[in-house]
């Protein structure tokens, strides 16, 4: 019995450690087109505008960074709202970012505006979910803020009419 428990704990520790290491591959196709493949086996096409050698067939790499950050934050907000037993029917985050007018054209400011739709949503819960994502949980936005990006968060609540 003790041996079985030790094996389970060792397996759990190994799983935890492998989750801490992420892998991805990005392969150049042609022009300004790349295919990225995540360690979990999902692929995405990234491409540049025609004036820079691309064919405009996918999001730009910097757009992918914004999309990933929005997805990371959205995951946190929804998770906190679910735990608070809020009846969320829809949620989206509208992201606006500004970049430096020099090379490297890093993000200087990013605003994430969450629009949460549901039934009898409590404003205090939505506010707290957005704050927790911004200050504690969202690895992507916290990493960008630590790198000097000015991140702001806002939210709106829409009552579900359906």
Protein backbone atom coordinates (compact mmCIF):
# COMPACT_ATOMS: atom_id res chain seq x y z
CA UNK A 1 0.00 0.00 0.00
CA UNK A 2 2.75 2.46 0.93
CA UNK A 3 4.61 1.54 -2.27
CA UNK A 4 1.47 2.26 -4.34
CA UNK A 5 0.98 5.62 -2.65
CA UNK A 6 4.63 6.52 -3.21
CA UNK A 7 4.26 5.65 -6.93
CA UNK A 8 1.13 7.84 -7.22
CA UNK A 9 2.87 10.74 -5.49
CA UNK A 10 5.96 10.34 -7.68
CA UNK A 11 3.76 10.30 -10.81
CA UNK A 12 1.87 13.37 -9.61
CA UNK A 13 5.14 15.21 -8.97
CA UNK A 14 6.44 14.22 -12.42
CA UNK A 15 3.21 15.47 -14.04
CA UNK A 16 3.48 18.74 -12.12
CA UNK A 17 7.06 19.25 -13.24
CA UNK A 18 6.31 18.52 -16.90
CA UNK A 19 3.54 21.12 -16.79
CA UNK A 20 6.15 23.68 -15.73
CA UNK A 21 8.12 23.16 -18.95
CA UNK A 22 6.40 24.16 -22.16
CA UNK A 23 7.55 23.42 -25.67
CA UNK A 24 6.59 24.82 -29.03
CA UNK A 25 7.94 24.79 -32.55
CA UNK A 26 7.64 27.51 -35.16
CA UNK A 27 8.46 26.58 -38.75
CA UNK A 28 9.00 29.01 -41.60
CA UNK A 29 6.82 28.23 -44.61
CA UNK A 30 7.74 31.04 -47.02
CA UNK A 31 7.71 34.83 -47.23
CA UNK A 32 6.48 36.00 -43.85
CA UNK A 33 4.41 32.87 -43.09
CA UNK A 34 5.10 30.58 -40.17
CA UNK A 35 3.30 27.62 -38.65
CA UNK A 36 3.50 27.32 -34.88
CA UNK A 37 2.82 24.03 -33.15
CA UNK A 38 2.21 23.85 -29.43
CA UNK A 39 3.55 21.10 -27.24
CA UNK A 40 -0.01 19.80 -26.97
CA UNK A 41 -0.13 19.31 -30.75
CA UNK A 42 -2.19 22.29 -31.88
CA UNK A 43 -1.13 24.37 -34.87
CA UNK A 44 -1.66 27.96 -35.91
CA UNK A 45 -0.65 29.85 -39.05
CA UNK A 46 0.95 33.26 -38.60
CA UNK A 47 1.55 35.55 -41.55
CA UNK A 48 2.59 39.08 -42.33
CA UNK A 49 1.05 41.75 -44.52
CA UNK A 50 1.65 41.69 -48.26
CA UNK A 51 3.88 44.78 -48.15
CA UNK A 52 6.27 42.87 -45.87
CA UNK A 53 6.38 39.66 -47.90
CA UNK A 54 3.37 37.89 -46.46
CA UNK A 55 0.03 36.89 -47.90
CA UNK A 56 -2.11 38.03 -44.96
CA UNK A 57 -3.33 34.47 -44.28
CA UNK A 58 -3.05 34.53 -40.50
CA UNK A 59 -2.54 36.74 -37.47
CA UNK A 60 0.78 38.49 -36.93
CA UNK A 61 3.06 37.09 -34.22
CA UNK A 62 2.49 40.16 -32.02
CA UNK A 63 -1.25 39.72 -32.46
CA UNK A 64 -0.81 36.14 -31.24
CA UNK A 65 0.85 37.54 -28.11
CA UNK A 66 -2.20 39.73 -27.49
CA UNK A 67 -4.59 36.85 -28.21
CA UNK A 68 -2.71 34.58 -25.81
CA UNK A 69 -2.72 37.22 -23.10
CA UNK A 70 -6.46 37.77 -23.55
CA UNK A 71 -7.11 34.03 -23.44
CA UNK A 72 -5.02 33.64 -20.30
CA UNK A 73 -6.86 36.47 -18.53
CA UNK A 74 -10.27 35.27 -19.73
CA UNK A 75 -9.59 31.78 -18.38
CA UNK A 76 -8.87 33.26 -14.95
CA UNK A 77 -11.91 35.56 -14.93
CA UNK A 78 -14.27 32.74 -15.89
CA UNK A 79 -12.71 30.37 -13.36
CA UNK A 80 -13.17 32.87 -10.52
CA UNK A 81 -16.76 33.62 -11.58
CA UNK A 82 -17.60 29.91 -11.77
CA UNK A 83 -16.24 29.38 -8.26
CA UNK A 84 -18.41 32.30 -7.10
CA UNK A 85 -21.39 30.52 -8.68
CA UNK A 86 -22.14 33.39 -11.03
CA UNK A 87 -24.44 32.55 -13.94
CA UNK A 88 -22.24 33.62 -16.85
CA UNK A 89 -23.64 33.01 -20.33
CA UNK A 90 -21.03 34.88 -22.36
CA UNK A 91 -17.76 36.64 -21.85
CA UNK A 92 -15.34 38.40 -24.13
CA UNK A 93 -12.30 40.58 -23.70
CA UNK A 94 -11.62 43.45 -26.07
CA UNK A 95 -7.93 44.27 -26.14
CA UNK A 96 -6.37 47.53 -27.26
CA UNK A 97 -2.61 47.88 -27.37
CA UNK A 98 -0.12 50.51 -28.40
CA UNK A 99 3.40 49.77 -29.58
CA UNK A 100 6.56 51.83 -29.48
CA UNK A 101 7.30 53.80 -32.64
CA UNK A 102 10.82 52.38 -32.83
CA UNK A 103 12.61 49.08 -33.13
CA UNK A 104 11.91 46.97 -31.17
CA UNK A 105 8.23 47.90 -31.48
CA UNK A 106 7.32 46.55 -28.07
CA UNK A 107 3.93 46.98 -26.49
CA UNK A 108 3.85 50.11 -24.35
CA UNK A 109 0.22 49.98 -23.18
CA UNK A 110 -2.47 47.32 -23.19
CA UNK A 111 -6.05 47.66 -22.01
CA UNK A 112 -8.18 44.56 -21.51
CA UNK A 113 -11.91 45.34 -21.34
CA UNK A 114 -14.02 42.38 -20.20
CA UNK A 115 -17.70 42.22 -21.15
CA UNK A 116 -19.47 39.65 -19.01
CA UNK A 117 -23.05 38.63 -19.80
CA UNK A 118 -25.20 36.62 -17.45
CA UNK A 119 -28.14 36.49 -15.10
CA UNK A 120 -28.05 38.48 -11.85
CA UNK A 121 -24.28 38.90 -11.98
CA UNK A 122 -22.87 40.65 -8.94
CA UNK A 123 -20.65 43.58 -9.83
CA UNK A 124 -18.41 42.86 -6.84
CA UNK A 125 -17.72 39.34 -8.13
CA UNK A 126 -16.91 40.53 -11.65
CA UNK A 127 -14.64 43.28 -10.31
CA UNK A 128 -12.87 40.80 -8.03
CA UNK A 129 -12.43 38.26 -10.85
CA UNK A 130 -10.80 40.88 -13.09
CA UNK A 131 -8.59 42.11 -10.23
CA UNK A 132 -7.46 38.59 -9.33
CA UNK A 133 -6.60 37.85 -12.93
CA UNK A 134 -4.62 41.11 -13.23
CA UNK A 135 -2.82 40.93 -9.89
CA UNK A 136 -2.42 37.24 -9.10
CA UNK A 137 -3.32 34.66 -11.75
CA UNK A 138 -2.71 35.73 -15.35
CA UNK A 139 0.88 34.73 -16.02
CA UNK A 140 0.91 36.42 -19.43
CA UNK A 141 -0.31 39.86 -18.37
CA UNK A 142 1.74 39.84 -15.16
CA UNK A 143 4.85 38.96 -17.19
CA UNK A 144 4.16 41.81 -19.65
CA UNK A 145 3.60 44.27 -16.79
CA UNK A 146 6.89 43.17 -15.18
CA UNK A 147 8.58 43.95 -18.51
CA UNK A 148 7.32 47.53 -18.39
CA UNK A 149 4.04 47.37 -20.32
CA UNK A 150 1.38 49.61 -18.78
CA UNK A 151 -1.57 47.24 -18.37
CA UNK A 152 -5.06 48.42 -17.49
CA UNK A 153 -8.21 46.40 -16.98
CA UNK A 154 -11.84 47.39 -17.19
CA UNK A 155 -15.15 45.57 -17.34
CA UNK A 156 -18.80 45.89 -18.19
CA UNK A 157 -21.69 43.70 -17.13
CA UNK A 158 -24.58 42.95 -19.46
CA UNK A 159 -27.77 41.38 -18.17
CA UNK A 160 -28.75 38.28 -20.11
CA UNK A 161 -31.94 38.91 -22.04
CA UNK A 162 -32.14 35.53 -23.78
